[in-house]
Amino acid sequence: MTSEQLAKAVEQAIKNTRGRILGVGREQYELADGRQGFEDMSIRELLDWASEEAEDIIVYGVMLQIRIQRVKRAIKNGFDV
């Protein structure tokens, strides 16, 4: 993979994230006046929310690791993944 290809993959990931912000994120977090919900959170609420999000990152990391191990086993057993 060239640096250009990697940069394009990063750009696509950013576009995907932008799409989620403007789609489901808008529905879940945008307030009636167009501001984002986190803007009105107290510091305590923001820290609690951020802590929950950090815990979600752990869960997604573990799920990804499980799938990586399955792919590695499939490759070891001769399946082309």
N, C-alpha and C. Protein backbone atom coordinates (compact mmCIF):
# COMPACT_ATOMS: atom_id res chain seq x y z
N MET A 1 0.85 -1.16 0.00
CA MET A 1 0.00 0.00 0.00
C MET A 1 0.90 1.23 0.00
N THR A 2 0.63 2.11 -0.92
CA THR A 2 1.41 3.34 -0.98
C THR A 2 0.86 4.36 0.02
N SER A 3 1.65 5.40 0.25
CA SER A 3 1.18 6.48 1.12
C SER A 3 -0.09 7.11 0.57
N GLU A 4 -0.15 7.25 -0.75
CA GLU A 4 -1.34 7.80 -1.40
C GLU A 4 -2.56 6.92 -1.15
N GLN A 5 -2.39 5.62 -1.27
CA GLN A 5 -3.50 4.69 -1.02
C GLN A 5 -3.96 4.75 0.43
N LEU A 6 -2.99 4.82 1.35
CA LEU A 6 -3.34 4.93 2.76
C LEU A 6 -4.09 6.23 3.02
N ALA A 7 -3.61 7.32 2.42
CA ALA A 7 -4.28 8.61 2.60
C ALA A 7 -5.71 8.55 2.07
N LYS A 8 -5.92 7.87 0.96
CA LYS A 8 -7.27 7.74 0.40
C LYS A 8 -8.16 6.90 1.32
N ALA A 9 -7.60 5.86 1.94
CA ALA A 9 -8.37 5.04 2.88
C ALA A 9 -8.77 5.87 4.10
N VAL A 10 -7.85 6.70 4.59
CA VAL A 10 -8.16 7.58 5.72
C VAL A 10 -9.24 8.58 5.32
N GLU A 11 -9.11 9.14 4.13
CA GLU A 11 -10.11 10.09 3.63
C GLU A 11 -11.50 9.44 3.55
N GLN A 12 -11.55 8.20 3.10
CA GLN A 12 -12.83 7.49 3.02
C GLN A 12 -13.41 7.27 4.41
N ALA A 13 -12.56 6.92 5.38
CA ALA A 13 -13.03 6.73 6.74
C ALA A 13 -13.61 8.04 7.29
N ILE A 14 -12.97 9.16 6.98
CA ILE A 14 -13.47 10.46 7.42
C ILE A 14 -14.81 10.76 6.76
N LYS A 15 -14.94 10.44 5.48
CA LYS A 15 -16.22 10.65 4.79
C LYS A 15 -17.32 9.79 5.42
N ASN A 16 -16.97 8.55 5.77
CA ASN A 16 -17.95 7.67 6.42
C ASN A 16 -18.40 8.25 7.75
N THR A 17 -17.43 8.75 8.53
CA THR A 17 -17.73 9.34 9.83
C THR A 17 -18.59 10.58 9.65
N ARG A 18 -18.27 11.39 8.67
CA ARG A 18 -19.07 12.59 8.38
C ARG A 18 -20.51 12.20 8.08
N GLY A 19 -20.67 11.12 7.31
CA GLY A 19 -22.01 10.64 6.98
C GLY A 19 -22.79 10.22 8.22
N ARG A 20 -22.11 9.59 9.17
CA ARG A 20 -22.79 9.19 10.41
C ARG A 20 -23.16 10.41 11.24
N ILE A 21 -22.28 11.42 11.26
CA ILE A 21 -22.59 12.64 12.00
C ILE A 21 -23.83 13.31 11.42
N LEU A 22 -23.91 13.37 10.10
CA LEU A 22 -25.03 14.06 9.45
C LEU A 22 -26.28 13.20 9.36
N GLY A 23 -26.16 11.92 9.64
CA GLY A 23 -27.31 11.01 9.60
C GLY A 23 -27.81 10.71 11.00
N VAL A 24 -27.44 9.55 11.49
CA VAL A 24 -27.92 9.11 12.80
C VAL A 24 -27.43 10.03 13.92
N GLY A 25 -26.25 10.59 13.77
CA GLY A 25 -25.75 11.52 14.79
C GLY A 25 -26.62 12.75 14.90
N ARG A 26 -27.07 13.25 13.76
CA ARG A 26 -27.96 14.42 13.77
C ARG A 26 -29.25 14.08 14.50
N GLU A 27 -29.78 12.91 14.22
CA GLU A 27 -31.04 12.50 14.86
C GLU A 27 -30.88 12.34 16.36
N GLN A 28 -29.73 11.84 16.79
CA GLN A 28 -29.54 11.52 18.21
C GLN A 28 -28.98 12.66 19.03
N TYR A 29 -28.18 13.52 18.44
CA TYR A 29 -27.42 14.48 19.25
C TYR A 29 -27.67 15.94 18.94
N GLU A 30 -28.30 16.24 17.81
CA GLU A 30 -28.50 17.65 17.47
C GLU A 30 -29.73 18.20 18.18
N LEU A 31 -29.58 19.37 18.77
CA LEU A 31 -30.67 20.02 19.47
C LEU A 31 -31.53 20.81 18.48
N ALA A 32 -32.69 21.25 18.93
CA ALA A 32 -33.64 21.96 18.06
C ALA A 32 -33.02 23.21 17.44
N ASP A 33 -32.11 23.86 18.15
CA ASP A 33 -31.51 25.09 17.62
C ASP A 33 -30.26 24.82 16.77
N GLY A 34 -29.95 23.53 16.51
CA GLY A 34 -28.83 23.18 15.64
C GLY A 34 -27.53 22.91 16.35
N ARG A 35 -27.46 23.22 17.65
CA ARG A 35 -26.25 22.90 18.39
C ARG A 35 -26.23 21.42 18.73
N GLN A 36 -25.07 20.96 19.16
CA GLN A 36 -24.90 19.56 19.54
C GLN A 36 -25.17 19.39 21.03
N GLY A 37 -25.73 18.25 21.40
CA GLY A 37 -26.08 17.98 22.78
C GLY A 37 -24.92 18.13 23.75
N PHE A 38 -23.71 17.76 23.33
CA PHE A 38 -22.57 17.84 24.24
C PHE A 38 -22.26 19.28 24.64
N GLU A 39 -22.70 20.23 23.82
CA GLU A 39 -22.41 21.64 24.11
C GLU A 39 -23.15 22.13 25.36
N ASP A 40 -24.25 21.50 25.69
CA ASP A 40 -25.03 21.91 26.86
C ASP A 40 -24.79 21.03 28.08
N MET A 41 -23.97 20.00 27.94
CA MET A 41 -23.71 19.12 29.06
C MET A 41 -22.85 19.82 30.10
N SER A 42 -23.14 19.52 31.35
CA SER A 42 -22.23 19.99 32.40
C SER A 42 -20.92 19.21 32.25
N ILE A 43 -19.89 19.68 32.88
CA ILE A 43 -18.61 18.97 32.83
C ILE A 43 -18.79 17.55 33.35
N ARG A 44 -19.56 17.39 34.40
CA ARG A 44 -19.82 16.06 34.98
C ARG A 44 -20.51 15.15 33.95
N GLU A 45 -21.56 15.68 33.30
CA GLU A 45 -22.27 14.89 32.29
C GLU A 45 -21.34 14.53 31.13
N LEU A 46 -20.53 15.48 30.71
CA LEU A 46 -19.61 15.25 29.60
C LEU A 46 -18.59 14.17 29.96
N LEU A 47 -18.08 14.23 31.18
CA LEU A 47 -17.12 13.21 31.62
C LEU A 47 -17.77 11.84 31.71
N ASP A 48 -19.01 11.77 32.22
CA ASP A 48 -19.72 10.49 32.28
C ASP A 48 -19.94 9.94 30.88
N TRP A 49 -20.38 10.80 29.97
CA TRP A 49 -20.63 10.39 28.58
C TRP A 49 -19.33 9.91 27.93
N ALA A 50 -18.25 10.67 28.11
CA ALA A 50 -16.96 10.30 27.52
C ALA A 50 -16.46 8.98 28.09
N SER A 51 -16.69 8.76 29.38
CA SER A 51 -16.29 7.51 30.01
C SER A 51 -17.03 6.32 29.40
N GLU A 52 -18.32 6.48 29.18
CA GLU A 52 -19.11 5.42 28.54
C GLU A 52 -18.61 5.15 27.12
N GLU A 53 -18.30 6.21 26.39
CA GLU A 53 -17.79 6.04 25.03
C GLU A 53 -16.44 5.32 25.04
N ALA A 54 -15.60 5.63 26.01
CA ALA A 54 -14.30 4.97 26.13
C ALA A 54 -14.49 3.48 26.40
N GLU A 55 -15.48 3.15 27.23
CA GLU A 55 -15.76 1.74 27.49
C GLU A 55 -16.25 1.05 26.22
N ASP A 56 -17.04 1.75 25.42
CA ASP A 56 -17.50 1.18 24.15
C ASP A 56 -16.32 0.88 23.22
N ILE A 57 -15.30 1.74 23.25
CA ILE A 57 -14.11 1.51 22.42
C ILE A 57 -13.47 0.18 22.80
N ILE A 58 -13.43 -0.10 24.10
CA ILE A 58 -12.87 -1.37 24.57
C ILE A 58 -13.66 -2.54 24.00
N VAL A 59 -14.98 -2.45 24.06
CA VAL A 59 -15.83 -3.54 23.56
C VAL A 59 -15.59 -3.75 22.06
N TYR A 60 -15.57 -2.66 21.30
CA TYR A 60 -15.35 -2.79 19.85
C TYR A 60 -13.96 -3.35 19.56
N GLY A 61 -12.97 -2.96 20.36
CA GLY A 61 -11.63 -3.50 20.17
C GLY A 61 -11.59 -5.00 20.41
N VAL A 62 -12.27 -5.47 21.45
CA VAL A 62 -12.31 -6.90 21.74
C VAL A 62 -13.06 -7.65 20.63
N MET A 63 -14.18 -7.10 20.19
CA MET A 63 -14.92 -7.74 19.10
C MET A 63 -14.05 -7.85 17.85
N LEU A 64 -13.31 -6.78 17.54
CA LEU A 64 -12.41 -6.81 16.39
C LEU A 64 -11.32 -7.85 16.57
N GLN A 65 -10.77 -7.93 17.77
CA GLN A 65 -9.73 -8.92 18.03
C GLN A 65 -10.26 -10.34 17.84
N ILE A 66 -11.47 -10.62 18.30
CA ILE A 66 -12.08 -11.94 18.10
C ILE A 66 -12.19 -12.26 16.62
N ARG A 67 -12.65 -11.30 15.84
CA ARG A 67 -12.80 -11.54 14.39
C ARG A 67 -11.44 -11.72 13.72
N ILE A 68 -10.44 -10.96 14.16
CA ILE A 68 -9.09 -11.11 13.60
C ILE A 68 -8.57 -12.51 13.85
N GLN A 69 -8.77 -13.02 15.05
CA GLN A 69 -8.33 -14.37 15.38
C GLN A 69 -9.03 -15.40 14.50
N ARG A 70 -10.31 -15.21 14.24
CA ARG A 70 -11.05 -16.13 13.36
C ARG A 70 -10.50 -16.09 11.94
N VAL A 71 -10.18 -14.92 11.45
CA VAL A 71 -9.61 -14.80 10.11
C VAL A 71 -8.25 -15.46 10.06
N LYS A 72 -7.42 -15.25 11.09
CA LYS A 72 -6.11 -15.88 11.12
C LYS A 72 -6.23 -17.40 11.11
N ARG A 73 -7.19 -17.96 11.88
CA ARG A 73 -7.39 -19.40 11.88
C ARG A 73 -7.84 -19.89 10.51
N ALA A 74 -8.73 -19.12 9.87
CA ALA A 74 -9.20 -19.50 8.53
C ALA A 74 -8.04 -19.53 7.54
N ILE A 75 -7.17 -18.53 7.62
CA ILE A 75 -6.01 -18.49 6.72
C ILE A 75 -5.09 -19.65 7.00
N LYS A 76 -4.86 -19.93 8.27
CA LYS A 76 -3.97 -21.05 8.66
C LYS A 76 -4.54 -22.37 8.14
N ASN A 77 -5.85 -22.50 8.12
CA ASN A 77 -6.49 -23.73 7.65
C ASN A 77 -6.67 -23.78 6.14
N GLY A 78 -6.09 -22.81 5.44
CA GLY A 78 -6.06 -22.88 3.98
C GLY A 78 -7.18 -22.13 3.28
N PHE A 79 -7.97 -21.39 3.99
CA PHE A 79 -9.02 -20.60 3.36
C PHE A 79 -8.43 -19.25 2.98
N ASP A 80 -8.74 -18.80 1.80
CA ASP A 80 -8.26 -17.50 1.34
C ASP A 80 -9.25 -16.45 1.77
N VAL A 81 -8.83 -15.56 2.65
CA VAL A 81 -9.72 -14.51 3.15
C VAL A 81 -9.28 -13.18 2.61
